Amino acid sequence: MAGCMKMINNYTSISATLMVFTVLLIGLPHTSGYQDTGNKHPVTDLKDGEEYVMSGSNRFCYKNSVVPTWRQTWTRIQVKVWSSNVFKVETVEGEEELQELERFSVWSWFQSLLRERHNETTININLFSKKTCFKIDPADKTKFTVHPLRKFDIYLFLVFLAGALLFVFAGSLSRSQTFFYSAGMSTGMIASLIILFFILARLLPKKSPFYVLIVGGWSFSVYAIQFVCRNLGVILREHWNVALGYVAVVGFITFAVCYRYGPLVDEKSINILSWTLQLFGLLLIYLGIQIQQVAFSIIVAAVFSKHLEYPVFLTVAAWRKIRRYIHWKPEPRRLLTEEEFQKQGEEETLRALEELRKHCNSPEFRPWKTVSRLQSPKRFADFIEGSPHLMSNEVSVHAQEYGFGGSFFEDDFFDTDDDDEEDDDIKPMMKPE
């Protein structure tokens, strides 16, 4: 028992020693041929729009002097680097960190082994970063070109637009059969390896040793997708037949799977798909905008406008009903039709005549004074007793003169005498022969 405890203590001490040694080896800088001797390496300050042709290991810094505002919503700062040979790029936040790259450590050496070599790359610089530095190490000291550029990125705007459209039309897209099949086929063609490893993971038992291979397969699938995206142009140009065959085979398989299960019918499943599309649309909106404050403002406005549709509709309807009782300005009066005008004229005339009869029968009326001024007292007396105020011949004469087709109507609207006189005035005089 004592021997076992002694062996355990020795093993623990050896493990602790190895752990401390590993931490010191990785974390602490070691002197070597790459150790900083106190002399700082020259750093080239980059300016927008200029090209720099260099050779050998060089260090660059880009200073962002423009304060980001809403006008830089879709502005991107990029530094393009290309060369005839491969090179490595190491990016840091400041000039001090750039000088620290010269210090050797096991961790930095391990990172340099994992870092890929390119013959053309693009360094994206954050708009809010005041200073961004990077180091370029070309192979065999070949020449390379560095070109910083600040421009409006149409791809960012298209990503934002796609996210906005996806968020707005998520409800209709989740019920569309065309979108169901096209989205299923696209997902199958892009993530076919991930789907394959997922199916294998479902088939294998939980305690199988192949589970480690499944985890590695997922990582390999993600790496394969990134590799294809970076070299998509070369693949389509040099291996178009393989790409066409892959699209045809995988597209047919995914279409068959989608056709087998069919579009979504359950209302809950449709709602889940709609919410997923809305979240994905909000993610695209966020990724398509460089200014985070603007992105969050648009996202909040989109969410409120989408989910407050019914309360806003009810508020507008209630306001329209209340506005009828609040007279902000007088409403324009409605004009009478010809029938309404004639009817109203007859009613008002009859009412006025009735009021006149009542006044003549009242004690305040002086009949002898009024009769002395009338040409036909008998007719006036008959009117007071209830007879019509117009004779039959007067009605016919009024209709002939002022009715439709009467002389008054023709004189005002069809007066051709003046036109004939004007035509006579316009005619030129004949010269005597």
Protein backbone atom coordinates (compact mmCIF):
# COMPACT_ATOMS: atom_id res chain seq x y z
CA MET A 1 0.00 0.00 0.00
CA ALA A 2 2.83 2.36 0.88
CA GLY A 3 4.58 1.48 -2.38
CA CYS A 4 1.47 2.33 -4.37
CA MET A 5 1.11 5.66 -2.60
CA LYS A 6 4.75 6.44 -3.31
CA MET A 7 4.32 5.64 -6.99
CA ILE A 8 1.23 7.84 -7.15
CA ASN A 9 3.09 10.72 -5.50
CA ASN A 10 6.01 10.35 -7.90
CA TYR A 11 3.64 10.28 -10.88
CA THR A 12 1.84 13.38 -9.59
CA SER A 13 5.08 15.30 -9.12
CA ILE A 14 6.32 14.34 -12.57
CA SER A 15 3.01 15.40 -14.14
CA ALA A 16 3.07 18.73 -12.32
CA THR A 17 6.66 19.34 -13.43
CA LEU A 18 5.80 18.60 -17.06
CA MET A 19 2.77 20.88 -16.90
CA VAL A 20 4.77 23.78 -15.47
CA PHE A 21 7.49 23.25 -18.05
CA THR A 22 4.93 23.23 -20.85
CA VAL A 23 3.34 26.47 -19.62
CA LEU A 24 6.72 28.15 -19.40
CA LEU A 25 7.70 26.86 -22.83
CA ILE A 26 4.53 28.16 -24.46
CA GLY A 27 3.96 31.38 -22.57
CA LEU A 28 7.43 32.77 -21.97
CA PRO A 29 9.55 34.11 -24.82
CA HIS A 30 12.81 32.32 -25.48
CA THR A 31 15.97 33.78 -26.83
CA SER A 32 16.85 32.67 -30.29
CA GLY A 33 17.91 34.04 -33.58
CA TYR A 34 14.50 35.77 -33.81
CA GLN A 35 14.79 37.56 -30.48
CA ASP A 36 14.23 41.29 -30.51
CA THR A 37 17.56 43.07 -30.21
CA GLY A 38 15.99 46.42 -29.35
CA ASN A 39 15.88 47.73 -32.91
CA LYS A 40 12.36 48.25 -34.18
CA HIS A 41 11.62 47.17 -37.70
CA PRO A 42 10.34 49.84 -40.09
CA VAL A 43 6.57 50.04 -40.48
CA THR A 44 4.91 51.35 -43.65
CA ASP A 45 1.81 53.52 -43.18
CA LEU A 46 -0.83 52.76 -45.78
CA LYS A 47 -3.05 55.33 -47.49
CA ASP A 48 -6.30 54.75 -49.34
CA GLY A 49 -6.03 54.17 -53.08
CA GLU A 50 -2.24 53.81 -53.24
CA GLU A 51 -0.36 50.67 -54.29
CA TYR A 52 2.80 49.52 -52.55
CA VAL A 53 5.15 47.07 -54.26
CA MET A 54 7.49 45.46 -51.73
CA SER A 55 9.72 42.44 -51.39
CA GLY A 56 10.82 40.42 -48.40
CA SER A 57 9.29 40.49 -44.94
CA ASN A 58 7.52 43.82 -44.34
CA ARG A 59 5.22 45.37 -41.79
CA PHE A 60 2.29 47.65 -42.53
CA CYS A 61 -0.18 49.73 -40.53
CA TYR A 62 -3.44 51.27 -41.67
CA LYS A 63 -4.64 54.27 -39.67
CA ASN A 64 -8.37 54.96 -39.87
CA SER A 65 -8.86 58.72 -39.48
CA VAL A 66 -12.54 58.83 -40.50
CA VAL A 67 -15.09 58.64 -37.69
CA PRO A 68 -17.79 56.11 -38.68
CA THR A 69 -21.28 57.56 -39.09
CA TRP A 70 -24.53 56.29 -40.60
CA ARG A 71 -23.22 57.26 -44.03
CA GLN A 72 -20.62 54.48 -43.75
CA THR A 73 -23.34 51.87 -43.25
CA TRP A 74 -22.25 49.86 -46.29
CA THR A 75 -18.67 51.07 -46.49
CA ARG A 76 -15.88 48.52 -46.25
CA ILE A 77 -12.16 49.01 -45.76
CA GLN A 78 -10.07 46.30 -47.39
CA VAL A 79 -6.39 45.76 -48.02
CA LYS A 80 -5.72 43.51 -51.01
CA VAL A 81 -2.41 41.68 -51.22
CA TRP A 82 -1.27 39.64 -54.20
CA SER A 83 1.97 38.14 -55.43
CA SER A 84 3.34 35.64 -57.92
CA ASN A 85 4.39 33.38 -55.04
CA VAL A 86 2.78 32.34 -51.77
CA PHE A 87 3.08 34.38 -48.58
CA LYS A 88 1.84 34.45 -44.98
CA VAL A 89 -0.11 37.25 -43.32
CA GLU A 90 -0.28 37.94 -39.58
CA THR A 91 -2.72 40.62 -38.41
CA VAL A 92 -2.59 42.43 -35.06
CA GLU A 93 -4.39 45.40 -33.53
CA GLY A 94 -1.51 47.83 -33.01
CA GLU A 95 2.10 48.62 -33.73
CA GLU A 96 3.31 47.33 -30.38
CA GLU A 97 1.75 43.94 -31.03
CA LEU A 98 3.39 44.02 -34.45
CA GLN A 99 6.81 44.35 -32.85
CA GLU A 100 5.95 41.53 -30.46
CA LEU A 101 5.67 39.17 -33.41
CA GLU A 102 9.47 39.13 -33.60
CA ARG A 103 9.67 37.46 -30.19
CA PHE A 104 9.82 33.71 -30.51
CA SER A 105 7.52 31.42 -28.54
CA VAL A 106 6.28 27.92 -29.04
CA TRP A 107 2.68 29.11 -29.26
CA SER A 108 3.43 31.64 -32.01
CA TRP A 109 5.50 29.04 -33.82
CA PHE A 110 2.59 26.58 -33.60
CA GLN A 111 0.19 29.24 -34.93
CA SER A 112 2.51 29.96 -37.84
CA LEU A 113 2.41 26.29 -38.78
CA LEU A 114 -1.39 26.35 -38.90
CA ARG A 115 -1.53 29.61 -40.84
CA GLU A 116 -2.23 29.11 -44.54
CA ARG A 117 -0.14 30.47 -47.36
CA HIS A 118 -1.75 32.47 -50.15
CA ASN A 119 -0.75 34.15 -53.35
CA GLU A 120 -3.73 36.51 -53.08
CA THR A 121 -5.73 37.55 -50.04
CA THR A 122 -7.89 40.36 -48.67
CA ILE A 123 -7.60 41.82 -45.18
CA ASN A 124 -10.84 43.30 -43.84
CA ILE A 125 -10.36 46.23 -41.47
CA ASN A 126 -12.95 47.19 -38.89
CA LEU A 127 -14.42 50.67 -39.34
CA PHE A 128 -14.11 51.35 -35.61
CA SER A 129 -10.48 50.24 -35.42
CA LYS A 130 -8.22 53.28 -35.24
CA LYS A 131 -5.13 51.35 -36.28
CA THR A 132 -4.65 47.91 -37.78
CA CYS A 133 -1.23 46.40 -38.47
CA PHE A 134 -0.11 43.26 -40.23
CA LYS A 135 3.04 41.49 -41.30
CA ILE A 136 3.65 39.83 -44.66
CA ASP A 137 6.26 37.10 -45.07
CA PRO A 138 6.63 36.07 -48.72
CA ALA A 139 8.46 32.95 -49.78
CA ASP A 140 11.91 33.45 -51.36
CA LYS A 141 11.64 37.23 -50.90
CA THR A 142 9.45 37.64 -53.96
CA LYS A 143 7.70 40.92 -54.72
CA PHE A 144 4.13 41.49 -53.64
CA THR A 145 1.64 44.32 -54.00
CA VAL A 146 -0.43 45.92 -51.22
CA HIS A 147 -3.46 48.02 -52.15
CA PRO A 148 -5.70 49.55 -49.42
CA LEU A 149 -9.14 50.68 -50.52
CA ARG A 150 -12.22 52.25 -48.91
CA LYS A 151 -15.36 51.75 -50.99
CA PHE A 152 -19.09 51.15 -51.00
CA ASP A 153 -19.56 47.40 -50.83
CA ILE A 154 -22.47 46.32 -52.99
CA TYR A 155 -22.33 42.82 -51.49
CA LEU A 156 -23.04 44.19 -48.01
CA PHE A 157 -26.05 46.06 -49.37
CA LEU A 158 -27.31 42.94 -51.16
CA VAL A 159 -26.95 40.91 -47.96
CA PHE A 160 -28.94 43.56 -46.08
CA LEU A 161 -31.58 43.67 -48.81
CA ALA A 162 -31.88 39.88 -48.85
CA GLY A 163 -32.30 39.83 -45.08
CA ALA A 164 -34.97 42.54 -45.17
CA LEU A 165 -36.94 40.77 -47.91
CA LEU A 166 -36.61 37.44 -46.13
CA PHE A 167 -37.88 38.96 -42.89
CA VAL A 168 -40.84 40.66 -44.57
CA PHE A 169 -41.94 37.71 -46.73
CA ALA A 170 -41.11 34.93 -44.25
CA GLY A 171 -44.78 34.10 -43.74
CA SER A 172 -45.57 33.66 -47.43
CA LEU A 173 -42.29 31.84 -48.15
CA SER A 174 -42.94 29.30 -45.39
CA ARG A 175 -46.17 28.32 -47.17
CA SER A 176 -44.71 28.27 -50.69
CA GLN A 177 -43.99 24.89 -52.27
CA THR A 178 -41.48 26.43 -54.67
CA PHE A 179 -39.46 27.84 -51.79
CA PHE A 180 -39.65 24.51 -49.96
CA TYR A 181 -38.15 22.52 -52.83
CA SER A 182 -35.59 25.16 -53.84
CA ALA A 183 -34.40 25.66 -50.25
CA GLY A 184 -34.19 21.90 -49.70
CA MET A 185 -32.16 21.35 -52.87
CA SER A 186 -29.83 24.27 -52.09
CA THR A 187 -29.24 23.02 -48.55
CA GLY A 188 -28.54 19.53 -49.84
CA MET A 189 -26.01 20.74 -52.42
CA ILE A 190 -24.18 23.03 -49.99
CA ALA A 191 -24.11 20.78 -46.92
CA SER A 192 -24.23 17.32 -48.45
CA LEU A 193 -21.21 16.09 -46.47
CA ILE A 194 -22.66 17.37 -43.20
CA ILE A 195 -25.95 15.63 -43.94
CA LEU A 196 -24.10 12.41 -44.79
CA PHE A 197 -22.16 12.42 -41.53
CA PHE A 198 -25.35 13.26 -39.63
CA ILE A 199 -27.06 10.19 -41.12
CA LEU A 200 -24.06 8.01 -40.22
CA ALA A 201 -24.15 9.37 -36.67
CA ARG A 202 -27.79 8.35 -36.38
CA LEU A 203 -27.03 4.83 -37.60
CA LEU A 204 -23.96 4.17 -35.44
CA PRO A 205 -24.40 3.13 -31.77
CA LYS A 206 -23.66 5.70 -29.11
CA LYS A 207 -20.63 3.86 -27.70
CA SER A 208 -19.10 3.11 -31.07
CA PRO A 209 -15.42 4.03 -31.64
CA PHE A 210 -16.45 5.58 -34.92
CA TYR A 211 -18.00 8.46 -33.00
CA VAL A 212 -14.63 10.17 -33.02
CA LEU A 213 -14.61 9.85 -36.79
CA ILE A 214 -18.03 11.47 -36.92
CA VAL A 215 -16.77 14.52 -35.02
CA GLY A 216 -13.79 14.70 -37.33
CA GLY A 217 -16.10 14.31 -40.30
CA TRP A 218 -18.11 17.36 -39.26
CA SER A 219 -14.92 19.41 -39.05
CA PHE A 220 -13.81 18.10 -42.42
CA SER A 221 -17.19 19.02 -43.91
CA VAL A 222 -16.92 22.61 -42.69
CA TYR A 223 -13.38 22.83 -44.04
CA ALA A 224 -14.51 21.41 -47.40
CA ILE A 225 -17.29 24.00 -47.66
CA GLN A 226 -14.82 26.82 -46.96
CA PHE A 227 -12.36 25.40 -49.47
CA VAL A 228 -15.01 25.19 -52.20
CA CYS A 229 -16.20 28.74 -51.52
CA ARG A 230 -12.65 30.10 -51.78
CA ASN A 231 -11.90 28.21 -55.00
CA LEU A 232 -15.34 28.27 -56.60
CA GLY A 233 -14.16 30.16 -59.67
CA VAL A 234 -11.33 27.73 -60.34
CA ILE A 235 -13.62 24.72 -59.87
CA LEU A 236 -16.24 26.06 -62.27
CA ARG A 237 -13.60 26.99 -64.83
CA GLU A 238 -11.40 23.88 -64.80
CA HIS A 239 -13.71 21.16 -63.42
CA TRP A 240 -17.10 22.27 -64.69
CA ASN A 241 -18.11 18.74 -65.69
CA VAL A 242 -17.52 17.42 -62.16
CA ALA A 243 -19.41 20.37 -60.67
CA LEU A 244 -22.31 19.84 -63.08
CA GLY A 245 -22.49 16.14 -62.25
CA TYR A 246 -22.41 16.88 -58.52
CA VAL A 247 -25.23 19.41 -58.84
CA ALA A 248 -27.32 17.00 -60.92
CA VAL A 249 -26.89 13.97 -58.64
CA VAL A 250 -27.19 15.75 -55.29
CA GLY A 251 -30.01 17.95 -56.57
CA PHE A 252 -32.00 14.93 -57.71
CA ILE A 253 -31.47 13.12 -54.39
CA THR A 254 -32.49 16.13 -52.30
CA PHE A 255 -35.50 16.75 -54.55
CA ALA A 256 -36.57 13.14 -54.09
CA VAL A 257 -36.24 13.44 -50.31
CA CYS A 258 -38.24 16.68 -50.27
CA TYR A 259 -40.88 15.13 -52.53
CA ARG A 260 -41.06 12.06 -50.29
CA TYR A 261 -41.84 14.07 -47.17
CA GLY A 262 -43.74 16.80 -49.00
CA PRO A 263 -44.22 20.48 -48.10
CA LEU A 264 -45.20 21.54 -44.61
CA VAL A 265 -48.90 21.20 -43.82
CA ASP A 266 -49.07 21.48 -40.05
CA GLU A 267 -49.68 25.05 -38.91
CA LYS A 268 -47.18 24.75 -36.06
CA SER A 269 -44.44 23.54 -38.41
CA ILE A 270 -45.18 26.43 -40.77
CA ASN A 271 -44.94 28.90 -37.88
CA ILE A 272 -41.61 27.41 -36.78
CA LEU A 273 -40.25 27.72 -40.33
CA SER A 274 -41.54 31.30 -40.56
CA TRP A 275 -39.86 32.25 -37.27
CA THR A 276 -36.64 30.59 -38.40
CA LEU A 277 -36.66 32.54 -41.65
CA GLN A 278 -37.32 35.76 -39.74
CA LEU A 279 -34.38 35.11 -37.41
CA PHE A 280 -32.16 34.29 -40.38
CA GLY A 281 -33.33 37.49 -42.07
CA LEU A 282 -32.45 39.53 -38.98
CA LEU A 283 -29.03 37.87 -38.95
CA LEU A 284 -28.47 38.86 -42.58
CA ILE A 285 -29.55 42.42 -41.77
CA TYR A 286 -26.99 42.53 -38.96
CA LEU A 287 -24.23 41.08 -41.15
CA GLY A 288 -25.04 43.46 -44.01
CA ILE A 289 -24.53 46.65 -41.97
CA GLN A 290 -21.17 47.86 -40.74
CA ILE A 291 -22.48 50.24 -38.06
CA GLN A 292 -23.84 48.21 -35.15
CA GLN A 293 -26.05 51.04 -33.85
CA VAL A 294 -27.75 51.35 -37.23
CA ALA A 295 -28.12 47.57 -37.46
CA PHE A 296 -29.76 47.27 -34.04
CA SER A 297 -32.06 50.22 -34.77
CA ILE A 298 -33.25 48.65 -38.02
CA ILE A 299 -33.71 45.26 -36.35
CA VAL A 300 -35.77 46.75 -33.51
CA ALA A 301 -37.89 48.75 -35.97
CA ALA A 302 -38.43 45.65 -38.13
CA VAL A 303 -39.49 43.52 -35.16
CA PHE A 304 -41.90 46.16 -33.87
CA SER A 305 -43.39 46.78 -37.30
CA LYS A 306 -43.83 43.05 -37.90
CA HIS A 307 -45.38 42.03 -34.60
CA LEU A 308 -47.30 45.24 -33.90
CA GLU A 309 -49.21 45.07 -37.16
CA TYR A 310 -52.57 44.27 -35.61
CA PRO A 311 -52.37 46.82 -32.74
CA VAL A 312 -51.38 49.52 -35.22
CA PHE A 313 -54.25 48.52 -37.50
CA LEU A 314 -56.73 48.72 -34.61
CA THR A 315 -55.32 52.09 -33.54
CA VAL A 316 -55.69 53.50 -37.05
CA ALA A 317 -59.26 52.20 -37.31
CA ALA A 318 -60.18 53.74 -33.93
CA TRP A 319 -58.60 57.04 -34.93
CA ARG A 320 -60.62 57.15 -38.13
CA LYS A 321 -63.82 56.70 -36.14
CA ILE A 322 -62.87 59.35 -33.57
CA ARG A 323 -61.80 61.81 -36.24
CA ARG A 324 -65.38 62.09 -37.45
CA TYR A 325 -66.33 63.82 -34.21
CA ILE A 326 -63.28 66.08 -34.16
CA HIS A 327 -63.67 68.89 -36.69
CA TRP A 328 -60.16 69.77 -37.65
CA LYS A 329 -61.44 71.57 -40.75
CA PRO A 330 -64.89 71.98 -42.30
CA GLU A 331 -65.77 69.27 -44.73
CA PRO A 332 -66.73 70.45 -48.24
CA ARG A 333 -70.47 70.68 -48.82
CA ARG A 334 -72.11 68.28 -51.17
CA LEU A 335 -73.64 69.86 -54.27
CA LEU A 336 -77.31 69.23 -55.01
CA THR A 337 -78.44 67.31 -58.02
CA GLU A 338 -80.96 68.76 -60.46
CA GLU A 339 -83.84 66.76 -58.98
CA GLU A 340 -82.87 67.74 -55.42
CA PHE A 341 -82.59 71.39 -56.42
CA GLN A 342 -86.03 71.40 -58.03
CA LYS A 343 -87.62 69.59 -55.09
CA GLN A 344 -86.00 71.89 -52.54
CA GLY A 345 -87.11 74.96 -54.52
CA GLU A 346 -90.72 73.78 -54.57
CA GLU A 347 -90.72 73.01 -50.85
CA GLU A 348 -89.19 76.34 -49.89
CA THR A 349 -91.62 78.22 -52.15
CA LEU A 350 -94.65 76.50 -50.63
CA ARG A 351 -93.38 77.17 -47.12
CA ALA A 352 -92.76 80.85 -47.88
CA LEU A 353 -96.25 81.23 -49.40
CA GLU A 354 -97.81 79.61 -46.34
CA GLU A 355 -95.95 81.99 -44.05
CA LEU A 356 -97.19 84.91 -46.18
CA ARG A 357 -100.81 83.73 -45.80
CA LYS A 358 -100.38 83.47 -42.03
CA HIS A 359 -98.95 86.97 -41.88
CA CYS A 360 -101.83 88.37 -43.92
CA ASN A 361 -104.36 86.75 -41.55
CA SER A 362 -102.60 88.04 -38.43
CA PRO A 363 -103.88 91.13 -36.51
CA GLU A 364 -100.69 93.03 -37.29
CA PHE A 365 -101.48 93.01 -41.03
CA ARG A 366 -103.07 96.21 -42.46
CA PRO A 367 -105.32 95.03 -45.32
CA TRP A 368 -106.58 98.43 -46.57
CA LYS A 369 -103.11 99.87 -46.91
CA THR A 370 -101.93 96.78 -48.80
CA VAL A 371 -105.01 96.63 -51.07
CA SER A 372 -104.51 100.27 -52.09
CA ARG A 373 -101.11 99.37 -53.51
CA LEU A 374 -102.16 96.23 -55.45
CA GLN A 375 -103.25 96.11 -59.08
CA SER A 376 -105.51 93.07 -58.52
CA PRO A 377 -106.97 93.05 -54.98
CA LYS A 378 -109.38 90.21 -55.83
CA ARG A 379 -106.53 87.90 -56.86
CA PHE A 380 -104.71 88.74 -53.63
CA ALA A 381 -107.82 87.93 -51.61
CA ASP A 382 -108.17 84.59 -53.41
CA PHE A 383 -104.50 83.84 -52.61
CA ILE A 384 -105.12 84.49 -48.90
CA GLU A 385 -108.10 82.15 -49.00
CA GLY A 386 -105.91 79.34 -50.44
CA SER A 387 -105.90 79.77 -54.21
CA PRO A 388 -102.62 79.30 -56.17
CA HIS A 389 -100.38 82.31 -56.48
CA LEU A 390 -99.93 81.77 -60.26
CA MET A 391 -102.47 81.48 -63.02
CA SER A 392 -102.39 78.61 -65.50
CA ASN A 393 -101.40 80.86 -68.40
CA GLU A 394 -98.51 82.31 -66.36
CA VAL A 395 -97.20 78.83 -65.64
CA SER A 396 -97.25 77.91 -69.34
CA VAL A 397 -95.55 81.16 -70.38
CA HIS A 398 -92.83 80.63 -67.74
CA ALA A 399 -92.25 77.09 -68.96
CA GLN A 400 -92.00 78.20 -72.58
CA GLU A 401 -89.59 80.99 -71.81
CA TYR A 402 -87.37 79.53 -69.05
CA GLY A 403 -87.81 75.79 -69.54
CA PHE A 404 -85.54 73.45 -71.49
CA GLY A 405 -85.77 74.49 -75.14
CA GLY A 406 -87.14 77.92 -74.26
CA SER A 407 -86.03 81.23 -75.67
CA PHE A 408 -83.94 82.14 -72.61
CA PHE A 409 -82.05 78.84 -72.76
CA GLU A 410 -81.36 79.17 -76.48
CA ASP A 411 -80.24 82.80 -76.22
CA ASP A 412 -77.70 82.02 -73.48
CA PHE A 413 -76.32 78.68 -74.60
CA PHE A 414 -76.97 78.53 -78.34
CA ASP A 415 -76.49 82.14 -79.35
CA THR A 416 -75.19 81.90 -82.92
CA ASP A 417 -75.85 85.44 -84.08
CA ASP A 418 -72.70 86.81 -82.51
CA ASP A 419 -70.67 83.96 -83.96
CA ASP A 420 -72.02 84.68 -87.42
CA GLU A 421 -71.13 88.33 -87.03
CA GLU A 422 -67.62 87.40 -85.90
CA ASP A 423 -67.26 85.11 -88.91
CA ASP A 424 -68.31 87.97 -91.16
CA ASP A 425 -65.71 90.20 -89.57
CA ILE A 426 -63.02 87.60 -90.05
CA LYS A 427 -63.72 87.15 -93.78
CA PRO A 428 -61.27 89.20 -95.85
CA MET A 429 -62.60 91.89 -98.10
CA MET A 430 -62.60 91.13 -101.77
CA LYS A 431 -60.38 93.38 -103.82
CA PRO A 432 -62.07 94.98 -106.83
CA GLU A 433 -60.84 93.65 -110.10
